[in-house]
Amino acid sequence: MEAVDAEAQFAEDLLGQGVAGLSTTDMRSYLEYVADQRMERLDLPRIYGSKNPLLFMELQDVQELSNFFERRVSAYQVGVSGSVSFDDDF
């Protein structure tokens, strides 16, 4: 609960009274929702019972975040064939 309070205070300091489409109230509810999810993963009871007010965050898989330098790169594009010359006019 202390961590949620600290994160909510940080969000309030950062957002002030909120920005278009994101209020400090929504941010607090989201933080409570995430805290409840983490409690469940630890087989502990929920604390807040908050719903996720930021549905777009469902697209962000926070559990899959990793250090950029520790993960295997799989998104590089295949090299381009042909030649490149910097002497040509664009």
PDB file of N, CA and C in Angstrom:
ATOM      1  N   MET A   1       0.837  -1.185   0.000  1.00  0.00           N
ATOM      2  CA  MET A   1       0.000   0.000   0.000  1.00  0.00           C
ATOM      3  C   MET A   1       0.886   1.254   0.000  1.00  0.00           C
ATOM      4  N   GLU A   2       2.015   1.153   0.664  1.00  0.00           N
ATOM      5  CA  GLU A   2       2.942   2.286   0.678  1.00  0.00           C
ATOM      6  C   GLU A   2       3.491   2.561  -0.721  1.00  0.00           C
ATOM      7  N   ALA A   3       3.770   1.491  -1.468  1.00  0.00           N
ATOM      8  CA  ALA A   3       4.277   1.649  -2.835  1.00  0.00           C
ATOM      9  C   ALA A   3       3.228   2.292  -3.731  1.00  0.00           C
ATOM     10  N   VAL A   4       1.972   1.884  -3.595  1.00  0.00           N
ATOM     11  CA  VAL A   4       0.896   2.490  -4.392  1.00  0.00           C
ATOM     12  C   VAL A   4       0.770   3.972  -4.046  1.00  0.00           C
ATOM     13  N   ASP A   5       0.839   4.298  -2.765  1.00  0.00           N
ATOM     14  CA  ASP A   5       0.773   5.710  -2.360  1.00  0.00           C
ATOM     15  C   ASP A   5       1.920   6.521  -2.962  1.00  0.00           C
ATOM     16  N   ALA A   6       3.131   5.949  -2.927  1.00  0.00           N
ATOM     17  CA  ALA A   6       4.294   6.644  -3.481  1.00  0.00           C
ATOM     18  C   ALA A   6       4.155   6.834  -4.992  1.00  0.00           C
ATOM     19  N   GLU A   7       3.714   5.791  -5.703  1.00  0.00           N
ATOM     20  CA  GLU A   7       3.531   5.894  -7.158  1.00  0.00           C
ATOM     21  C   GLU A   7       2.428   6.895  -7.504  1.00  0.00           C
ATOM     22  N   ALA A   8       1.355   6.894  -6.731  1.00  0.00           N
ATOM     23  CA  ALA A   8       0.257   7.835  -6.969  1.00  0.00           C
ATOM     24  C   ALA A   8       0.723   9.263  -6.736  1.00  0.00           C
ATOM     25  N   GLN A   9       1.546   9.471  -5.707  1.00  0.00           N
ATOM     26  CA  GLN A   9       2.080  10.811  -5.451  1.00  0.00           C
ATOM     27  C   GLN A   9       2.998  11.247  -6.586  1.00  0.00           C
ATOM     28  N   PHE A  10       3.803  10.320  -7.095  1.00  0.00           N
ATOM     29  CA  PHE A  10       4.672  10.619  -8.228  1.00  0.00           C
ATOM     30  C   PHE A  10       3.839  11.015  -9.447  1.00  0.00           C
ATOM     31  N   ALA A  11       2.778  10.262  -9.709  1.00  0.00           N
ATOM     32  CA  ALA A  11       1.903  10.573 -10.844  1.00  0.00           C
ATOM     33  C   ALA A  11       1.260  11.944 -10.668  1.00  0.00           C
ATOM     34  N   GLU A  12       0.853  12.252  -9.457  1.00  0.00           N
ATOM     35  CA  GLU A  12       0.246  13.569  -9.210  1.00  0.00           C
ATOM     36  C   GLU A  12       1.275  14.678  -9.399  1.00  0.00           C
ATOM     37  N   ASP A  13       2.493  14.460  -8.924  1.00  0.00           N
ATOM     38  CA  ASP A  13       3.559  15.445  -9.125  1.00  0.00           C
ATOM     39  C   ASP A  13       3.857  15.629 -10.604  1.00  0.00           C
ATOM     40  N   LEU A  14       3.841  14.547 -11.343  1.00  0.00           N
ATOM     41  CA  LEU A  14       4.160  14.574 -12.762  1.00  0.00           C
ATOM     42  C   LEU A  14       3.022  15.157 -13.593  1.00  0.00           C
ATOM     43  N   LEU A  15       1.798  14.718 -13.315  1.00  0.00           N
ATOM     44  CA  LEU A  15       0.646  15.116 -14.124  1.00  0.00           C
ATOM     45  C   LEU A  15      -0.057  16.358 -13.611  1.00  0.00           C
ATOM     46  N   GLY A  16       0.228  16.777 -12.393  1.00  0.00           N
ATOM     47  CA  GLY A  16      -0.492  17.909 -11.820  1.00  0.00           C
ATOM     48  C   GLY A  16      -1.949  17.544 -11.642  1.00  0.00           C
ATOM     49  N   GLN A  17      -2.807  18.232 -12.314  1.00  0.00           N
ATOM     50  CA  GLN A  17      -4.242  17.954 -12.241  1.00  0.00           C
ATOM     51  C   GLN A  17      -4.689  17.003 -13.346  1.00  0.00           C
ATOM     52  N   GLY A  18      -3.741  16.377 -14.017  1.00  0.00           N
ATOM     53  CA  GLY A  18      -4.074  15.438 -15.086  1.00  0.00           C
ATOM     54  C   GLY A  18      -3.783  16.032 -16.450  1.00  0.00           C
ATOM     55  N   VAL A  19      -3.840  15.206 -17.445  1.00  0.00           N
ATOM     56  CA  VAL A  19      -3.689  15.626 -18.837  1.00  0.00           C
ATOM     57  C   VAL A  19      -4.882  15.069 -19.598  1.00  0.00           C
ATOM     58  N   ALA A  20      -5.073  15.537 -20.802  1.00  0.00           N
ATOM     59  CA  ALA A  20      -6.215  15.091 -21.597  1.00  0.00           C
ATOM     60  C   ALA A  20      -6.250  13.566 -21.682  1.00  0.00           C
ATOM     61  N   GLY A  21      -7.322  12.982 -21.195  1.00  0.00           N
ATOM     62  CA  GLY A  21      -7.508  11.540 -21.272  1.00  0.00           C
ATOM     63  C   GLY A  21      -6.865  10.753 -20.150  1.00  0.00           C
ATOM     64  N   LEU A  22      -6.199  11.431 -19.201  1.00  0.00           N
ATOM     65  CA  LEU A  22      -5.536  10.719 -18.109  1.00  0.00           C
ATOM     66  C   LEU A  22      -5.591  11.577 -16.849  1.00  0.00           C
ATOM     67  N   SER A  23      -6.464  11.193 -15.951  1.00  0.00           N
ATOM     68  CA  SER A  23      -6.587  11.938 -14.695  1.00  0.00           C
ATOM     69  C   SER A  23      -5.765  11.264 -13.610  1.00  0.00           C
ATOM     70  N   THR A  24      -5.480  12.000 -12.556  1.00  0.00           N
ATOM     71  CA  THR A  24      -4.754  11.406 -11.432  1.00  0.00           C
ATOM     72  C   THR A  24      -5.611  10.340 -10.745  1.00  0.00           C
ATOM     73  N   THR A  25      -6.926  10.501 -10.789  1.00  0.00           N
ATOM     74  CA  THR A  25      -7.829   9.493 -10.220  1.00  0.00           C
ATOM     75  C   THR A  25      -7.722   8.190 -10.999  1.00  0.00           C
ATOM     76  N   ASP A  26      -7.725   8.287 -12.338  1.00  0.00           N
ATOM     77  CA  ASP A  26      -7.565   7.090 -13.171  1.00  0.00           C
ATOM     78  C   ASP A  26      -6.206   6.442 -12.924  1.00  0.00           C
ATOM     79  N   MET A  27      -5.190   7.269 -12.779  1.00  0.00           N
ATOM     80  CA  MET A  27      -3.853   6.726 -12.554  1.00  0.00           C
ATOM     81  C   MET A  27      -3.797   5.984 -11.225  1.00  0.00           C
ATOM     82  N   ARG A  28      -4.408   6.542 -10.205  1.00  0.00           N
ATOM     83  CA  ARG A  28      -4.436   5.878  -8.889  1.00  0.00           C
ATOM     84  C   ARG A  28      -5.182   4.542  -8.993  1.00  0.00           C
ATOM     85  N   SER A  29      -6.319   4.555  -9.681  1.00  0.00           N
ATOM     86  CA  SER A  29      -7.081   3.303  -9.843  1.00  0.00           C
ATOM     87  C   SER A  29      -6.271   2.259 -10.598  1.00  0.00           C
ATOM     88  N   TYR A  30      -5.538   2.693 -11.603  1.00  0.00           N
ATOM     89  CA  TYR A  30      -4.704   1.756 -12.359  1.00  0.00           C
ATOM     90  C   TYR A  30      -3.603   1.172 -11.466  1.00  0.00           C
ATOM     91  N   LEU A  31      -2.975   2.007 -10.669  1.00  0.00           N
ATOM     92  CA  LEU A  31      -1.930   1.528  -9.766  1.00  0.00           C
ATOM     93  C   LEU A  31      -2.494   0.522  -8.760  1.00  0.00           C
ATOM     94  N   GLU A  32      -3.684   0.786  -8.272  1.00  0.00           N
ATOM     95  CA  GLU A  32      -4.338  -0.146  -7.354  1.00  0.00           C
ATOM     96  C   GLU A  32      -4.656  -1.463  -8.052  1.00  0.00           C
ATOM     97  N   TYR A  33      -5.128  -1.371  -9.291  1.00  0.00           N
ATOM     98  CA  TYR A  33      -5.428  -2.564 -10.082  1.00  0.00           C
ATOM     99  C   TYR A  33      -4.174  -3.421 -10.263  1.00  0.00           C
ATOM    100  N   VAL A  34      -3.053  -2.772 -10.623  1.00  0.00           N
ATOM    101  CA  VAL A  34      -1.797  -3.499 -10.824  1.00  0.00           C
ATOM    102  C   VAL A  34      -1.334  -4.121  -9.514  1.00  0.00           C
ATOM    103  N   ALA A  35      -1.459  -3.393  -8.425  1.00  0.00           N
ATOM    104  CA  ALA A  35      -1.078  -3.941  -7.121  1.00  0.00           C
ATOM    105  C   ALA A  35      -1.899  -5.183  -6.800  1.00  0.00           C
ATOM    106  N   ASP A  36      -3.198  -5.133  -7.073  1.00  0.00           N
ATOM    107  CA  ASP A  36      -4.048  -6.307  -6.838  1.00  0.00           C
ATOM    108  C   ASP A  36      -3.621  -7.487  -7.695  1.00  0.00           C
ATOM    109  N   GLN A  37      -3.249  -7.227  -8.941  1.00  0.00           N
ATOM    110  CA  GLN A  37      -2.794  -8.303  -9.817  1.00  0.00           C
ATOM    111  C   GLN A  37      -1.534  -8.955  -9.259  1.00  0.00           C
ATOM    112  N   ARG A  38      -0.640  -8.137  -8.747  1.00  0.00           N
ATOM    113  CA  ARG A  38       0.603  -8.673  -8.187  1.00  0.00           C
ATOM    114  C   ARG A  38       0.343  -9.444  -6.902  1.00  0.00           C
ATOM    115  N   MET A  39      -0.604  -8.977  -6.103  1.00  0.00           N
ATOM    116  CA  MET A  39      -0.966  -9.706  -4.885  1.00  0.00           C
ATOM    117  C   MET A  39      -1.486 -11.092  -5.229  1.00  0.00           C
ATOM    118  N   GLU A  40      -2.330 -11.161  -6.260  1.00  0.00           N
ATOM    119  CA  GLU A  40      -2.870 -12.462  -6.673  1.00  0.00           C
ATOM    120  C   GLU A  40      -1.768 -13.404  -7.145  1.00  0.00           C
ATOM    121  N   ARG A  41      -0.784 -12.866  -7.847  1.00  0.00           N
ATOM    122  CA  ARG A  41       0.315 -13.717  -8.312  1.00  0.00           C
ATOM    123  C   ARG A  41       1.119 -14.283  -7.149  1.00  0.00           C
ATOM    124  N   LEU A  42       1.066 -13.595  -6.029  1.00  0.00           N
ATOM    125  CA  LEU A  42       1.753 -14.075  -4.830  1.00  0.00           C
ATOM    126  C   LEU A  42       0.833 -14.911  -3.941  1.00  0.00           C
ATOM    127  N   ASP A  43      -0.338 -15.250  -4.489  1.00  0.00           N
ATOM    128  CA  ASP A  43      -1.353 -16.007  -3.743  1.00  0.00           C
ATOM    129  C   ASP A  43      -1.791 -15.293  -2.466  1.00  0.00           C
ATOM    130  N   LEU A  44      -1.888 -13.975  -2.566  1.00  0.00           N
ATOM    131  CA  LEU A  44      -2.375 -13.148  -1.460  1.00  0.00           C
ATOM    132  C   LEU A  44      -3.683 -12.489  -1.883  1.00  0.00           C
ATOM    133  N   PRO A  45      -4.517 -12.123  -0.928  1.00  0.00           N
ATOM    134  CA  PRO A  45      -5.797 -11.493  -1.289  1.00  0.00           C
ATOM    135  C   PRO A  45      -5.610 -10.078  -1.843  1.00  0.00           C
ATOM    136  N   ARG A  46      -6.533  -9.699  -2.716  1.00  0.00           N
ATOM    137  CA  ARG A  46      -6.540  -8.336  -3.239  1.00  0.00           C
ATOM    138  C   ARG A  46      -6.714  -7.339  -2.100  1.00  0.00           C
ATOM    139  N   ILE A  47      -6.171  -6.164  -2.287  1.00  0.00           N
ATOM    140  CA  ILE A  47      -6.283  -5.103  -1.285  1.00  0.00           C
ATOM    141  C   ILE A  47      -7.358  -4.097  -1.685  1.00  0.00           C
ATOM    142  N   TYR A  48      -7.381  -3.723  -2.960  1.00  0.00           N
ATOM    143  CA  TYR A  48      -8.193  -2.593  -3.404  1.00  0.00           C
ATOM    144  C   TYR A  48      -9.487  -2.985  -4.111  1.00  0.00           C
ATOM    145  N   GLY A  49      -9.430  -3.989  -4.937  1.00  0.00           N
ATOM    146  CA  GLY A  49     -10.604  -4.355  -5.728  1.00  0.00           C
ATOM    147  C   GLY A  49     -10.902  -3.365  -6.843  1.00  0.00           C
ATOM    148  N   SER A  50      -9.896  -2.622  -7.281  1.00  0.00           N
ATOM    149  CA  SER A  50     -10.081  -1.612  -8.331  1.00  0.00           C
ATOM    150  C   SER A  50     -10.130  -2.255  -9.710  1.00  0.00           C
ATOM    151  N   LYS A  51     -10.898  -1.659 -10.579  1.00  0.00           N
ATOM    152  CA  LYS A  51     -10.960  -2.074 -11.987  1.00  0.00           C
ATOM    153  C   LYS A  51      -9.885  -1.309 -12.759  1.00  0.00           C
ATOM    154  N   ASN A  52      -9.539  -1.820 -13.921  1.00  0.00           N
ATOM    155  CA  ASN A  52      -8.567  -1.152 -14.776  1.00  0.00           C
ATOM    156  C   ASN A  52      -9.262  -0.050 -15.571  1.00  0.00           C
ATOM    157  N   PRO A  53      -9.008   1.229 -15.239  1.00  0.00           N
ATOM    158  CA  PRO A  53      -9.634   2.318 -15.982  1.00  0.00           C
ATOM    159  C   PRO A  53      -8.893   2.643 -17.281  1.00  0.00           C
ATOM    160  N   LEU A  54      -7.700   2.095 -17.441  1.00  0.00           N
ATOM    161  CA  LEU A  54      -6.868   2.389 -18.614  1.00  0.00           C
ATOM    162  C   LEU A  54      -6.755   1.134 -19.468  1.00  0.00           C
ATOM    163  N   LEU A  55      -7.816   0.840 -20.196  1.00  0.00           N
ATOM    164  CA  LEU A  55      -7.864  -0.417 -20.953  1.00  0.00           C
ATOM    165  C   LEU A  55      -6.751  -0.539 -21.982  1.00  0.00           C
ATOM    166  N   PHE A  56      -6.246   0.597 -22.471  1.00  0.00           N
ATOM    167  CA  PHE A  56      -5.166   0.528 -23.456  1.00  0.00           C
ATOM    168  C   PHE A  56      -3.908  -0.089 -22.847  1.00  0.00           C
ATOM    169  N   MET A  57      -3.802  -0.067 -21.532  1.00  0.00           N
ATOM    170  CA  MET A  57      -2.637  -0.657 -20.886  1.00  0.00           C
ATOM    171  C   MET A  57      -2.659  -2.184 -20.959  1.00  0.00           C
ATOM    172  N   GLU A  58      -3.806  -2.760 -21.282  1.00  0.00           N
ATOM    173  CA  GLU A  58      -3.886  -4.216 -21.460  1.00  0.00           C
ATOM    174  C   GLU A  58      -2.963  -4.652 -22.592  1.00  0.00           C
ATOM    175  N   LEU A  59      -2.694  -3.747 -23.530  1.00  0.00           N
ATOM    176  CA  LEU A  59      -1.829  -4.068 -24.661  1.00  0.00           C
ATOM    177  C   LEU A  59      -0.372  -4.137 -24.245  1.00  0.00           C
ATOM    178  N   GLN A  60      -0.056  -3.525 -23.126  1.00  0.00           N
ATOM    179  CA  GLN A  60       1.313  -3.516 -22.617  1.00  0.00           C
ATOM    180  C   GLN A  60       1.506  -4.705 -21.692  1.00  0.00           C
ATOM    181  N   ASP A  61       2.359  -5.607 -22.060  1.00  0.00           N
ATOM    182  CA  ASP A  61       2.594  -6.777 -21.223  1.00  0.00           C
ATOM    183  C   ASP A  61       3.754  -6.473 -20.289  1.00  0.00           C
ATOM    184  N   VAL A  62       3.449  -5.873 -19.145  1.00  0.00           N
ATOM    185  CA  VAL A  62       4.503  -5.448 -18.228  1.00  0.00           C
ATOM    186  C   VAL A  62       5.299  -6.613 -17.669  1.00  0.00           C
ATOM    187  N   GLN A  63       4.758  -7.804 -17.707  1.00  0.00           N
ATOM    188  CA  GLN A  63       5.495  -8.954 -17.187  1.00  0.00           C
ATOM    189  C   GLN A  63       6.576  -9.417 -18.154  1.00  0.00           C
ATOM    190  N   GLU A  64       6.521  -8.972 -19.397  1.00  0.00           N
ATOM    191  CA  GLU A  64       7.492  -9.405 -20.389  1.00  0.00           C
ATOM    192  C   GLU A  64       8.618  -8.399 -20.591  1.00  0.00           C
ATOM    193  N   LEU A  65       8.644  -7.341 -19.790  1.00  0.00           N
ATOM    194  CA  LEU A  65       9.708  -6.361 -19.934  1.00  0.00           C
ATOM    195  C   LEU A  65      11.032  -6.991 -19.539  1.00  0.00           C
ATOM    196  N   SER A  66      12.077  -6.665 -20.280  1.00  0.00           N
ATOM    197  CA  SER A  66      13.385  -7.200 -19.959  1.00  0.00           C
ATOM    198  C   SER A  66      14.440  -6.170 -20.322  1.00  0.00           C
ATOM    199  N   ASN A  67      15.602  -6.373 -19.816  1.00  0.00           N
ATOM    200  CA  ASN A  67      16.711  -5.505 -20.132  1.00  0.00           C
ATOM    201  C   ASN A  67      17.034  -5.661 -21.615  1.00  0.00           C
ATOM    202  N   PHE A  68      17.130  -4.555 -22.326  1.00  0.00           N
ATOM    203  CA  PHE A  68      17.384  -4.581 -23.766  1.00  0.00           C
ATOM    204  C   PHE A  68      18.628  -5.406 -24.089  1.00  0.00           C
ATOM    205  N   PHE A  69      19.670  -5.283 -23.277  1.00  0.00           N
ATOM    206  CA  PHE A  69      20.938  -5.935 -23.567  1.00  0.00           C
ATOM    207  C   PHE A  69      20.959  -7.407 -23.188  1.00  0.00           C
ATOM    208  N   GLU A  70      19.943  -7.870 -22.461  1.00  0.00           N
ATOM    209  CA  GLU A  70      19.909  -9.263 -22.035  1.00  0.00           C
ATOM    210  C   GLU A  70      18.987 -10.136 -22.871  1.00  0.00           C
ATOM    211  N   ARG A  71      18.261  -9.558 -23.802  1.00  0.00           N
ATOM    212  CA  ARG A  71      17.333 -10.378 -24.572  1.00  0.00           C
ATOM    213  C   ARG A  71      17.863 -10.647 -25.969  1.00  0.00           C
ATOM    214  N   ARG A  72      17.310 -11.646 -26.569  1.00  0.00           N
ATOM    215  CA  ARG A  72      17.714 -12.041 -27.908  1.00  0.00           C
ATOM    216  C   ARG A  72      16.977 -11.168 -28.916  1.00  0.00           C
ATOM    217  N   VAL A  73      17.725 -10.613 -29.847  1.00  0.00           N
ATOM    218  CA  VAL A  73      17.138  -9.727 -30.847  1.00  0.00           C
ATOM    219  C   VAL A  73      16.502 -10.564 -31.941  1.00  0.00           C
ATOM    220  N   SER A  74      15.245 -10.261 -32.239  1.00  0.00           N
ATOM    221  CA  SER A  74      14.559 -11.007 -33.293  1.00  0.00           C
ATOM    222  C   SER A  74      13.845 -10.076 -34.266  1.00  0.00           C
ATOM    223  N   ALA A  75      14.022  -8.771 -34.101  1.00  0.00           N
ATOM    224  CA  ALA A  75      13.251  -7.832 -34.896  1.00  0.00           C
ATOM    225  C   ALA A  75      14.079  -7.086 -35.947  1.00  0.00           C
ATOM    226  N   TYR A  76      15.303  -7.501 -36.174  1.00  0.00           N
ATOM    227  CA  TYR A  76      16.085  -6.800 -37.185  1.00  0.00           C
ATOM    228  C   TYR A  76      15.612  -7.181 -38.579  1.00  0.00           C
ATOM    229  N   GLN A  77      15.685  -6.235 -39.474  1.00  0.00           N
ATOM    230  CA  GLN A  77      15.261  -6.456 -40.846  1.00  0.00           C
ATOM    231  C   GLN A  77      16.392  -7.157 -41.607  1.00  0.00           C
ATOM    232  N   VAL A  78      16.017  -7.955 -42.565  1.00  0.00           N
ATOM    233  CA  VAL A  78      17.002  -8.632 -43.415  1.00  0.00           C
ATOM    234  C   VAL A  78      17.715  -7.569 -44.244  1.00  0.00           C
ATOM    235  N   GLY A  79      18.991  -7.754 -44.472  1.00  0.00           N
ATOM    236  CA  GLY A  79      19.791  -6.789 -45.216  1.00  0.00           C
ATOM    237  C   GLY A  79      19.241  -6.510 -46.611  1.00  0.00           C
ATOM    238  N   VAL A  80      19.495  -5.317 -47.083  1.00  0.00           N
ATOM    239  CA  VAL A  80      19.038  -4.888 -48.404  1.00  0.00           C
ATOM    240  C   VAL A  80      20.099  -5.269 -49.426  1.00  0.00           C
ATOM    241  N   SER A  81      19.652  -5.805 -50.552  1.00  0.00           N
ATOM    242  CA  SER A  81      20.624  -6.160 -51.598  1.00  0.00           C
ATOM    243  C   SER A  81      20.805  -4.978 -52.534  1.00  0.00           C
ATOM    244  N   GLY A  82      21.916  -4.963 -53.247  1.00  0.00           N
ATOM    245  CA  GLY A  82      22.202  -3.867 -54.163  1.00  0.00           C
ATOM    246  C   GLY A  82      23.357  -3.046 -53.622  1.00  0.00           C
ATOM    247  N   SER A  83      23.541  -1.890 -54.194  1.00  0.00           N
ATOM    248  CA  SER A  83      24.652  -1.040 -53.751  1.00  0.00           C
ATOM    249  C   SER A  83      24.130   0.334 -53.332  1.00  0.00           C
ATOM    250  N   VAL A  84      24.885   0.955 -52.486  1.00  0.00           N
ATOM    251  CA  VAL A  84      24.558   2.291 -51.999  1.00  0.00           C
ATOM    252  C   VAL A  84      25.751   3.183 -52.260  1.00  0.00           C
ATOM    253  N   SER A  85      25.481   4.326 -52.819  1.00  0.00           N
ATOM    254  CA  SER A  85      26.566   5.280 -53.098  1.00  0.00           C
ATOM    255  C   SER A  85      26.178   6.637 -52.547  1.00  0.00           C
ATOM    256  N   PHE A  86      27.102   7.231 -51.833  1.00  0.00           N
ATOM    257  CA  PHE A  86      26.821   8.556 -51.267  1.00  0.00           C
ATOM    258  C   PHE A  86      27.253   9.666 -52.215  1.00  0.00           C
ATOM    259  N   ASP A  87      27.759   9.302 -53.393  1.00  0.00           N
ATOM    260  CA  ASP A  87      28.165  10.290 -54.385  1.00  0.00           C
ATOM    261  C   ASP A  87      26.992  10.727 -55.260  1.00  0.00           C
ATOM    262  N   ASP A  88      25.919   9.909 -55.301  1.00  0.00           N
ATOM    263  CA  ASP A  88      24.772  10.226 -56.148  1.00  0.00           C
ATOM    264  C   ASP A  88      23.959  11.367 -55.561  1.00  0.00           C
ATOM    265  N   ASP A  89      23.307  12.144 -56.454  1.00  0.00           N
ATOM    266  CA  ASP A  89      22.395  13.197 -55.999  1.00  0.00           C
ATOM    267  C   ASP A  89      21.113  12.577 -55.538  1.00  0.00           C
ATOM    268  N   PHE A  90      20.520  13.149 -54.538  1.00  0.00           N
ATOM    269  CA  PHE A  90      19.251  12.653 -54.034  1.00  0.00           C
ATOM    270  C   PHE A  90      18.121  13.361 -54.695  1.00  0.00           C
TER     271      PHE A  90
END
